[in-house]
C-alpha cells in the first residue's frame, strides 16, 4: 500500500459538496480503509448524507482510476461500518477503466457561462452506459423558475446560510483559502461580485427579514437563461455510494468530450423544489433524485479548486 501514498494528491481530485473533501484514507496492513471525517460533513445542508455518500463513491472511483493508470492492481471491497464504506486492496489485475489520471486532473466544476446548445442525444445515451443508470435531462430555461425558488429558500434559511459561510473563501487572506471550500475564483465571481457578496453576508443577520435572501437569489437568476441542458441522476437511495462512482465516470466522460458540469444541488436540497422537479420528470419518489447539474461547453476555463495537503 506504500505506492498509494504517492498517488493521494490525485485521489483528492474527487468532487465534494462545498469542496469539503470529507473522505479519509487509513492504511491497515495490505488494505486502506475509506471513511469520512465528520468535521467535513454538512449536517445542515446535507442532513440525509446524500451528498456525502455520492462524494465517497466519487472518491472510490478516483482512487481506482488513478491506481490503474499507475499500473497498480487495486480493487475496492464494500464493507460498510461505523465511519467507513469499504477498503482498497491488492487485486489480481488493475481496475478496468477507459479513464486515466490525466482525465481525473482535467475534470472540474465550472460555474461560469456556457455556450448555447443542447447535448447531442448520443452523448446523453452514452452517459447511461456508465452504470446503466437513469439520467434525465431538461432544458435549462425550463428549470429557471425552480432554481430561483430553491435559491430564495436556501438564502432565507439562516442555518443553511451559516453553514455555507463556513466553507466560503472569498478572499485570499482567508486561512483556509489554499486548502478547501469555495473560493471566489471557483465560484466565478468578479471582484465587484465578491465584494457585494461579502457585504451582503456581513449584513445578513440584520437584513435577512428585509428581503436580502431574494436579493442574493436574484444575483443568479439568469444562470439558466440560455439554450442548454440540465441533467438529473435518478436512482435507489440505498445505492448512493455506488451511484457516486457512476456519477464520477459520467463527469469524466463529459470532460473528455470538452463539456463541463455545474452542480445545482439546491434544487433537490429544498423539499418544495425537489417535489416539483420529480413531478416534471414523472418520478414517483422525489428522494430518488440524487444529483442535478447543468452541462455544456464553458465559455472560459474554470479556476482550479483548492485541495488539502495531507
Protein backbone atom coordinates (compact mmCIF):
# COMPACT_ATOMS: atom_id res chain seq x y z
CA UNK A 1 0.00 0.00 0.00
CA UNK A 2 3.02 2.34 0.15
CA UNK A 3 2.62 3.06 -3.57
CA UNK A 4 -0.82 4.50 -2.87
CA UNK A 5 0.51 7.25 -0.63
CA UNK A 6 2.36 8.86 -3.55
CA UNK A 7 -0.91 8.91 -5.56
CA UNK A 8 -3.04 10.58 -2.89
CA UNK A 9 -2.93 14.11 -4.40
CA UNK A 10 -4.75 12.74 -7.46
CA UNK A 11 -7.20 10.74 -5.34
CA UNK A 12 -8.14 14.06 -3.75
CA UNK A 13 -9.29 15.49 -7.11
CA UNK A 14 -12.65 13.84 -6.48
CA UNK A 15 -15.60 16.27 -6.19
CA UNK A 16 -17.49 17.05 -2.98
CA UNK A 17 -20.25 19.43 -1.92
CA UNK A 18 -18.80 22.85 -0.93
CA UNK A 19 -15.38 21.28 -1.63
CA UNK A 20 -15.32 19.88 1.91
CA UNK A 21 -13.23 16.86 0.86
CA UNK A 22 -14.78 14.65 3.57
CA UNK A 23 -13.06 11.38 2.72
CA UNK A 24 -10.32 9.72 4.74
CA UNK A 25 -7.86 7.01 3.75
CA UNK A 26 -6.44 4.96 6.61
CA UNK A 27 -3.88 2.26 5.98
CA UNK A 28 -4.20 -1.12 7.68
CA UNK A 29 -1.52 -3.56 6.59
CA UNK A 30 -2.24 -4.55 2.99
CA UNK A 31 -5.50 -2.59 2.82
CA UNK A 32 -6.61 1.02 3.01
CA UNK A 33 -9.90 1.91 4.64
CA UNK A 34 -12.04 4.59 3.00
CA UNK A 35 -14.07 6.57 5.50
CA UNK A 36 -15.06 10.14 6.25
CA UNK A 37 -14.32 12.95 8.66
CA UNK A 38 -17.49 14.12 10.48
CA UNK A 39 -15.95 17.59 10.78
CA UNK A 40 -16.02 17.82 6.98
CA UNK A 41 -19.64 16.86 6.54
CA UNK A 42 -22.63 19.19 6.08
CA UNK A 43 -25.17 18.22 8.76
CA UNK A 44 -27.47 21.14 7.92
CA UNK A 45 -27.24 21.35 4.15
CA UNK A 46 -26.92 17.57 3.68
CA UNK A 47 -28.89 16.11 6.62
CA UNK A 48 -29.56 12.74 4.94
CA UNK A 49 -25.91 12.30 3.90
CA UNK A 50 -26.79 12.02 0.21
CA UNK A 51 -24.01 14.33 -0.98
CA UNK A 52 -21.57 12.70 1.43
CA UNK A 53 -22.23 9.22 0.04
CA UNK A 54 -22.05 10.43 -3.56
CA UNK A 55 -18.70 12.12 -2.88
CA UNK A 56 -17.36 8.97 -1.20
CA UNK A 57 -18.37 6.98 -4.27
CA UNK A 58 -16.62 9.53 -6.50
CA UNK A 59 -13.53 9.26 -4.31
CA UNK A 60 -13.52 5.46 -4.63
CA UNK A 61 -13.71 5.74 -8.41
CA UNK A 62 -10.89 8.29 -8.49
CA UNK A 63 -8.69 6.01 -6.38
CA UNK A 64 -9.28 3.04 -8.68
CA UNK A 65 -8.72 5.04 -11.88
CA UNK A 66 -5.51 6.65 -10.62
CA UNK A 67 -4.16 3.33 -9.38
CA UNK A 68 -4.95 1.63 -12.70
CA UNK A 69 -3.31 4.48 -14.59
CA UNK A 70 -0.19 3.96 -12.48
CA UNK A 71 -0.19 0.25 -13.30
CA UNK A 72 -1.24 -0.85 -9.82
CA UNK A 73 -3.65 -3.74 -9.33
CA UNK A 74 -6.06 -2.32 -6.77
CA UNK A 75 -9.71 -3.16 -6.17
CA UNK A 76 -12.45 -1.92 -3.84
CA UNK A 77 -14.29 -4.10 -1.35
CA UNK A 78 -17.51 -2.62 0.10
CA UNK A 79 -17.65 -3.07 3.86
CA UNK A 80 -19.88 -0.52 5.49
CA UNK A 81 -19.43 0.10 9.16
CA UNK A 82 -19.01 2.96 11.60
CA UNK A 83 -17.25 5.73 9.71
CA UNK A 84 -16.32 3.63 6.67
CA UNK A 85 -17.64 2.46 3.32
CA UNK A 86 -15.03 -0.16 2.45
CA UNK A 87 -11.42 -0.99 1.66
CA UNK A 88 -8.93 -0.69 -1.17
CA UNK A 89 -6.96 -3.91 -1.53
CA UNK A 90 -4.41 -5.56 -3.79
CA UNK A 91 -6.32 -7.33 -6.57
CA UNK A 92 -5.29 -9.83 -9.23
CA UNK A 93 -5.42 -7.25 -12.03
CA UNK A 94 -5.79 -3.49 -12.47
CA UNK A 95 -9.22 -1.90 -12.44
CA UNK A 96 -10.72 -1.86 -15.94
CA UNK A 97 -11.47 1.73 -16.94
CA UNK A 98 -11.22 3.90 -20.05
CA UNK A 99 -10.08 6.86 -17.94
CA UNK A 100 -6.65 7.96 -16.79
CA UNK A 101 -5.05 10.10 -14.12
CA UNK A 102 -4.85 12.95 -16.64
CA UNK A 103 -8.62 12.74 -17.12
CA UNK A 104 -9.07 12.99 -13.35
CA UNK A 105 -6.78 16.03 -13.21
CA UNK A 106 -8.56 17.83 -16.06
CA UNK A 107 -12.08 17.32 -14.75
CA UNK A 108 -13.53 20.15 -12.73
CA UNK A 109 -16.63 22.14 -11.92
CA UNK A 110 -17.25 25.27 -13.99
CA UNK A 111 -19.73 27.78 -12.56
CA UNK A 112 -19.17 30.34 -15.32
CA UNK A 113 -21.05 30.90 -18.55
CA UNK A 114 -21.70 28.14 -21.08
CA UNK A 115 -22.09 28.30 -24.83
CA UNK A 116 -25.68 27.89 -26.06
CA UNK A 117 -26.53 24.43 -27.38
CA UNK A 118 -28.15 21.21 -26.26
CA UNK A 119 -26.25 17.98 -25.70
CA UNK A 120 -26.34 15.52 -28.62
CA UNK A 121 -28.64 12.55 -27.95
CA UNK A 122 -25.76 10.09 -28.31
CA UNK A 123 -23.79 11.86 -25.57
CA UNK A 124 -26.69 11.53 -23.13
CA UNK A 125 -27.23 7.92 -24.18
CA UNK A 126 -23.54 7.25 -23.59
CA UNK A 127 -23.80 8.52 -20.03
CA UNK A 128 -26.42 5.88 -19.29
CA UNK A 129 -23.87 3.26 -20.30
CA UNK A 130 -21.57 4.12 -17.38
CA UNK A 131 -23.60 2.01 -14.97
CA UNK A 132 -26.99 1.52 -16.62
CA UNK A 133 -28.40 4.46 -14.70
CA UNK A 134 -31.44 6.62 -15.23
CA UNK A 135 -30.30 10.02 -16.49
CA UNK A 136 -32.99 12.57 -17.27
CA UNK A 137 -32.50 15.90 -18.98
CA UNK A 138 -34.40 19.14 -19.09
CA UNK A 139 -33.85 22.39 -20.91
CA UNK A 140 -32.13 25.00 -18.75
CA UNK A 141 -34.90 27.55 -19.19
CA UNK A 142 -37.50 25.00 -18.06
CA UNK A 143 -35.84 24.94 -14.62
CA UNK A 144 -35.09 28.63 -14.18
CA UNK A 145 -38.19 29.20 -12.04
CA UNK A 146 -37.47 26.24 -9.76
CA UNK A 147 -33.83 27.21 -9.35
CA UNK A 148 -34.80 30.72 -8.28
CA UNK A 149 -37.31 29.31 -5.78
CA UNK A 150 -34.66 26.97 -4.38
CA UNK A 151 -32.12 29.79 -4.09
CA UNK A 152 -34.58 32.02 -2.24
CA UNK A 153 -35.37 29.26 0.24
CA UNK A 154 -31.70 28.42 0.71
CA UNK A 155 -30.68 32.02 1.41
CA UNK A 156 -33.70 32.51 3.68
CA UNK A 157 -32.60 29.64 5.93
CA UNK A 158 -30.18 31.16 8.44
CA UNK A 159 -28.68 27.79 9.41
CA UNK A 160 -28.06 26.70 5.81
CA UNK A 161 -26.54 30.09 5.00
CA UNK A 162 -24.40 29.94 8.13
CA UNK A 163 -23.03 26.55 7.16
CA UNK A 164 -22.32 27.76 3.63
CA UNK A 165 -20.44 30.78 5.01
CA UNK A 166 -18.13 28.42 6.90
CA UNK A 167 -16.99 26.97 3.58
CA UNK A 168 -16.75 30.19 1.56
CA UNK A 169 -13.25 31.54 0.88
CA UNK A 170 -13.97 34.99 -0.56
CA UNK A 171 -10.52 36.47 -0.03
CA UNK A 172 -7.01 35.04 -0.44
CA UNK A 173 -6.30 36.16 3.12
CA UNK A 174 -8.67 33.52 4.45
CA UNK A 175 -6.50 30.99 6.34
CA UNK A 176 -8.19 28.06 4.58
CA UNK A 177 -8.07 29.59 1.08
CA UNK A 178 -5.35 27.25 -0.32
CA UNK A 179 -6.87 24.09 1.13
CA UNK A 180 -10.63 23.65 0.82
CA UNK A 181 -14.00 25.35 0.48
CA UNK A 182 -15.40 27.56 -2.27
CA UNK A 183 -13.10 30.36 -3.35
CA UNK A 184 -14.39 33.44 -5.15
CA UNK A 185 -12.49 32.29 -8.23
CA UNK A 186 -14.02 28.80 -8.14
CA UNK A 187 -17.43 30.48 -7.84
CA UNK A 188 -16.61 32.51 -10.98
CA UNK A 189 -17.24 35.79 -9.16
CA UNK A 190 -15.83 39.08 -10.37
CA UNK A 191 -14.11 41.37 -7.88
CA UNK A 192 -17.25 43.51 -7.66
CA UNK A 193 -19.48 40.46 -7.15
CA UNK A 194 -17.14 39.16 -4.48
CA UNK A 195 -17.25 42.45 -2.57
CA UNK A 196 -21.04 42.56 -2.89
CA UNK A 197 -21.41 39.02 -1.55
CA UNK A 198 -19.03 39.68 1.35
CA UNK A 199 -21.01 42.79 2.24
CA UNK A 200 -24.35 41.00 1.98
CA UNK A 201 -23.20 38.15 4.20
CA UNK A 202 -21.84 40.59 6.77
CA UNK A 203 -25.24 42.30 6.85
CA UNK A 204 -27.20 39.03 6.70
CA UNK A 205 -28.32 38.85 10.36
CA UNK A 206 -29.82 42.35 10.18
CA UNK A 207 -31.25 42.18 6.66
CA UNK A 208 -32.46 38.60 6.34
CA UNK A 209 -36.05 39.52 7.14
CA UNK A 210 -35.91 42.63 4.97
CA UNK A 211 -35.58 40.89 1.63
CA UNK A 212 -31.87 40.05 1.48
CA UNK A 213 -32.49 36.37 0.53
CA UNK A 214 -34.40 37.44 -2.59
CA UNK A 215 -31.66 39.89 -3.45
CA UNK A 216 -28.99 37.19 -3.11
CA UNK A 217 -31.06 34.70 -5.12
CA UNK A 218 -31.68 37.31 -7.78
CA UNK A 219 -27.96 37.58 -8.46
CA UNK A 220 -28.07 34.13 -10.07
CA UNK A 221 -31.46 34.47 -11.73
CA UNK A 222 -30.02 34.46 -15.25
CA UNK A 223 -27.89 31.36 -14.72
CA UNK A 224 -30.24 29.12 -16.73
CA UNK A 225 -31.44 31.72 -19.20
CA UNK A 226 -29.87 30.13 -22.27
CA UNK A 227 -30.35 27.17 -24.58
CA UNK A 228 -28.69 24.39 -22.63
CA UNK A 229 -29.18 21.19 -20.64
CA UNK A 230 -29.62 20.18 -17.03
CA UNK A 231 -29.03 16.51 -16.23
CA UNK A 232 -30.66 14.70 -13.31
CA UNK A 233 -29.36 11.40 -11.93
CA UNK A 234 -32.16 9.18 -10.63
CA UNK A 235 -31.50 6.04 -8.62
CA UNK A 236 -32.17 3.99 -5.48
CA UNK A 237 -31.40 5.79 -2.24
CA UNK A 238 -29.66 2.71 -0.82
CA UNK A 239 -27.14 2.68 -3.70
CA UNK A 240 -25.85 6.23 -3.32
CA UNK A 241 -22.19 5.25 -2.81
CA UNK A 242 -22.17 3.10 -5.95
CA UNK A 243 -24.03 5.80 -7.86
CA UNK A 244 -21.36 8.28 -6.76
CA UNK A 245 -18.92 6.09 -8.65
CA UNK A 246 -21.20 6.15 -11.68
CA UNK A 247 -21.52 9.93 -11.43
CA UNK A 248 -17.73 10.26 -11.41
CA UNK A 249 -17.50 8.18 -14.59
CA UNK A 250 -20.20 10.29 -16.24
CA UNK A 251 -18.43 13.53 -15.35
CA UNK A 252 -15.15 12.19 -16.70
CA UNK A 253 -16.84 11.08 -19.93
CA UNK A 254 -18.27 14.57 -20.37
CA UNK A 255 -14.95 16.21 -19.57
CA UNK A 256 -13.14 14.11 -22.16
CA UNK A 257 -15.62 15.42 -24.76
CA UNK A 258 -14.99 19.03 -23.72
CA UNK A 259 -18.09 19.51 -21.57
CA UNK A 260 -18.17 20.97 -18.07
CA UNK A 261 -20.62 20.48 -15.22
CA UNK A 262 -22.05 22.74 -12.54
CA UNK A 263 -23.98 21.05 -9.70
CA UNK A 264 -27.31 22.61 -8.77
CA UNK A 265 -27.91 20.62 -5.60
CA UNK A 266 -30.21 23.26 -4.13
CA UNK A 267 -32.93 22.01 -6.47
CA UNK A 268 -33.13 18.73 -4.55
CA UNK A 269 -31.96 20.02 -1.16
CA UNK A 270 -35.19 22.02 -0.92
CA UNK A 271 -38.22 19.74 -0.40
CA UNK A 272 -40.56 22.10 -2.29
CA UNK A 273 -38.47 22.24 -5.47
CA UNK A 274 -37.46 18.58 -5.21
CA UNK A 275 -41.10 17.52 -5.30
CA UNK A 276 -41.87 19.84 -8.21
CA UNK A 277 -38.84 18.58 -10.12
CA UNK A 278 -39.90 14.97 -9.54
CA UNK A 279 -43.36 15.78 -10.89
CA UNK A 280 -41.90 17.36 -14.02
CA UNK A 281 -39.77 14.29 -14.60
CA UNK A 282 -42.64 11.91 -13.74
CA UNK A 283 -40.54 10.36 -10.97
CA UNK A 284 -42.74 8.88 -8.25
CA UNK A 285 -40.30 9.12 -5.33
CA UNK A 286 -38.61 12.55 -5.04
CA UNK A 287 -35.93 11.03 -2.78
CA UNK A 288 -34.56 9.11 -5.77
CA UNK A 289 -33.44 12.37 -7.38
CA UNK A 290 -29.77 12.12 -6.43
CA UNK A 291 -27.91 14.76 -8.39
CA UNK A 292 -28.65 17.76 -10.61
CA UNK A 293 -26.15 19.65 -12.77
CA UNK A 294 -26.14 21.90 -15.80
CA UNK A 295 -23.84 20.65 -18.52
CA UNK A 296 -22.32 22.36 -21.52
CA UNK A 297 -19.27 23.78 -23.19
CA UNK A 298 -17.81 26.54 -20.99
CA UNK A 299 -17.02 29.99 -22.31
CA UNK A 300 -13.78 30.07 -20.32
CA UNK A 301 -11.68 27.67 -18.22
CA UNK A 302 -12.58 27.42 -14.56
CA UNK A 303 -10.22 28.17 -11.69
CA UNK A 304 -8.89 25.05 -10.03
CA UNK A 305 -10.49 24.29 -6.71
CA UNK A 306 -8.26 24.16 -3.66
CA UNK A 307 -7.18 20.82 -2.24
CA UNK A 308 -5.93 19.73 1.15
CA UNK A 309 -2.33 18.69 1.62
CA UNK A 310 -2.45 15.64 3.81
